[in-house]
Amino acid sequence: MTHSLAITRWLLTQHHIVANIIISDKKTNV
């Protein structure tokens, strides 16, 4: 269970980073 929780937390962190990059790109384009 702990291992799965660590993976889930890592995936959420990766998604958060990607979302920030996409938002930054959109702001730059505009």
PDB file of N, CA and C in Angstrom:
ATOM      1  N   MET A   1       0.846  -1.209   0.000  1.00  0.00           N
ATOM      2  CA  MET A   1       0.000   0.000   0.000  1.00  0.00           C
ATOM      3  C   MET A   1       0.880   1.257   0.000  1.00  0.00           C
ATOM      4  N   THR A   2       1.917   1.244   0.819  1.00  0.00           N
ATOM      5  CA  THR A   2       2.792   2.414   0.909  1.00  0.00           C
ATOM      6  C   THR A   2       3.459   2.676  -0.433  1.00  0.00           C
ATOM      7  N   HIS A   3       3.869   1.595  -1.118  1.00  0.00           N
ATOM      8  CA  HIS A   3       4.535   1.751  -2.415  1.00  0.00           C
ATOM      9  C   HIS A   3       3.574   2.379  -3.423  1.00  0.00           C
ATOM     10  N   SER A   4       2.341   1.902  -3.425  1.00  0.00           N
ATOM     11  CA  SER A   4       1.346   2.448  -4.361  1.00  0.00           C
ATOM     12  C   SER A   4       1.093   3.918  -4.055  1.00  0.00           C
ATOM     13  N   LEU A   5       1.074   4.261  -2.784  1.00  0.00           N
ATOM     14  CA  LEU A   5       0.825   5.646  -2.395  1.00  0.00           C
ATOM     15  C   LEU A   5       1.962   6.533  -2.886  1.00  0.00           C
ATOM     16  N   ALA A   6       3.189   6.026  -2.798  1.00  0.00           N
ATOM     17  CA  ALA A   6       4.349   6.793  -3.258  1.00  0.00           C
ATOM     18  C   ALA A   6       4.272   7.015  -4.761  1.00  0.00           C
ATOM     19  N   ILE A   7       3.875   5.973  -5.499  1.00  0.00           N
ATOM     20  CA  ILE A   7       3.744   6.091  -6.960  1.00  0.00           C
ATOM     21  C   ILE A   7       2.662   7.103  -7.299  1.00  0.00           C
ATOM     22  N   THR A   8       1.530   7.033  -6.602  1.00  0.00           N
ATOM     23  CA  THR A   8       0.425   7.963  -6.867  1.00  0.00           C
ATOM     24  C   THR A   8       0.877   9.398  -6.622  1.00  0.00           C
ATOM     25  N   ARG A   9       1.602   9.604  -5.538  1.00  0.00           N
ATOM     26  CA  ARG A   9       2.084  10.951  -5.207  1.00  0.00           C
ATOM     27  C   ARG A   9       3.044  11.435  -6.288  1.00  0.00           C
ATOM     28  N   TRP A  10       3.918  10.528  -6.780  1.00  0.00           N
ATOM     29  CA  TRP A  10       4.873  10.897  -7.825  1.00  0.00           C
ATOM     30  C   TRP A  10       4.141  11.264  -9.109  1.00  0.00           C
ATOM     31  N   LEU A  11       3.117  10.468  -9.467  1.00  0.00           N
ATOM     32  CA  LEU A  11       2.348  10.746 -10.685  1.00  0.00           C
ATOM     33  C   LEU A  11       1.651  12.093 -10.579  1.00  0.00           C
ATOM     34  N   LEU A  12       1.088  12.394  -9.413  1.00  0.00           N
ATOM     35  CA  LEU A  12       0.411  13.679  -9.221  1.00  0.00           C
ATOM     36  C   LEU A  12       1.409  14.825  -9.365  1.00  0.00           C
ATOM     37  N   THR A  13       2.617  14.632  -8.853  1.00  0.00           N
ATOM     38  CA  THR A  13       3.651  15.664  -8.956  1.00  0.00           C
ATOM     39  C   THR A  13       4.022  15.883 -10.413  1.00  0.00           C
ATOM     40  N   GLN A  14       4.191  14.782 -11.163  1.00  0.00           N
ATOM     41  CA  GLN A  14       4.533  14.885 -12.583  1.00  0.00           C
ATOM     42  C   GLN A  14       3.435  15.627 -13.329  1.00  0.00           C
ATOM     43  N   HIS A  15       2.177  15.289 -13.042  1.00  0.00           N
ATOM     44  CA  HIS A  15       1.043  15.926 -13.720  1.00  0.00           C
ATOM     45  C   HIS A  15       1.018  17.420 -13.400  1.00  0.00           C
ATOM     46  N   HIS A  16       1.324  17.769 -12.155  1.00  0.00           N
ATOM     47  CA  HIS A  16       1.317  19.172 -11.737  1.00  0.00           C
ATOM     48  C   HIS A  16       2.386  19.947 -12.511  1.00  0.00           C
ATOM     49  N   ILE A  17       3.562  19.335 -12.676  1.00  0.00           N
ATOM     50  CA  ILE A  17       4.662  19.990 -13.404  1.00  0.00           C
ATOM     51  C   ILE A  17       4.269  20.195 -14.859  1.00  0.00           C
ATOM     52  N   VAL A  18       3.698  19.159 -15.479  1.00  0.00           N
ATOM     53  CA  VAL A  18       3.280  19.254 -16.886  1.00  0.00           C
ATOM     54  C   VAL A  18       2.225  20.336 -17.042  1.00  0.00           C
ATOM     55  N   ALA A  19       1.274  20.392 -16.117  1.00  0.00           N
ATOM     56  CA  ALA A  19       0.208  21.397 -16.183  1.00  0.00           C
ATOM     57  C   ALA A  19       0.811  22.803 -16.108  1.00  0.00           C
ATOM     58  N   ASN A  20       1.791  22.999 -15.245  1.00  0.00           N
ATOM     59  CA  ASN A  20       2.433  24.315 -15.124  1.00  0.00           C
ATOM     60  C   ASN A  20       3.145  24.695 -16.413  1.00  0.00           C
ATOM     61  N   ILE A  21       3.784  23.713 -17.061  1.00  0.00           N
ATOM     62  CA  ILE A  21       4.495  23.982 -18.322  1.00  0.00           C
ATOM     63  C   ILE A  21       3.494  24.387 -19.396  1.00  0.00           C
ATOM     64  N   ILE A  22       2.362  23.672 -19.477  1.00  0.00           N
ATOM     65  CA  ILE A  22       1.339  23.977 -20.485  1.00  0.00           C
ATOM     66  C   ILE A  22       0.791  25.385 -20.249  1.00  0.00           C
ATOM     67  N   ILE A  23       0.503  25.725 -19.002  1.00  0.00           N
ATOM     68  CA  ILE A  23      -0.029  27.054 -18.669  1.00  0.00           C
ATOM     69  C   ILE A  23       0.998  28.125 -19.047  1.00  0.00           C
ATOM     70  N   SER A  24       2.267  27.867 -18.759  1.00  0.00           N
ATOM     71  CA  SER A  24       3.324  28.831 -19.087  1.00  0.00           C
ATOM     72  C   SER A  24       3.398  29.029 -20.591  1.00  0.00           C
ATOM     73  N   ASP A  25       3.285  27.930 -21.355  1.00  0.00           N
ATOM     74  CA  ASP A  25       3.336  28.026 -22.817  1.00  0.00           C
ATOM     75  C   ASP A  25       2.166  28.856 -23.337  1.00  0.00           C
ATOM     76  N   LYS A  26       0.987  28.636 -22.786  1.00  0.00           N
ATOM     77  CA  LYS A  26      -0.191  29.387 -23.231  1.00  0.00           C
ATOM     78  C   LYS A  26      -0.022  30.878 -22.932  1.00  0.00           C
ATOM     79  N   LYS A  27       0.510  31.208 -21.778  1.00  0.00           N
ATOM     80  CA  LYS A  27       0.722  32.614 -21.420  1.00  0.00           C
ATOM     81  C   LYS A  27       1.739  33.246 -22.364  1.00  0.00           C
ATOM     82  N   THR A  28       2.765  32.487 -22.728  1.00  0.00           N
ATOM     83  CA  THR A  28       3.801  33.009 -23.623  1.00  0.00           C
ATOM     84  C   THR A  28       3.223  33.246 -25.009  1.00  0.00           C
ATOM     85  N   ASN A  29       2.404  32.309 -25.487  1.00  0.00           N
ATOM     86  CA  ASN A  29       1.814  32.449 -26.820  1.00  0.00           C
ATOM     87  C   ASN A  29       0.890  33.659 -26.882  1.00  0.00           C
ATOM     88  N   VAL A  30       0.162  33.890 -25.803  1.00  0.00           N
ATOM     89  CA  VAL A  30      -0.770  35.022 -25.776  1.00  0.00           C
ATOM     90  C   VAL A  30       0.018  36.297 -25.506  1.00  0.00           C
TER      91      VAL A  30
END
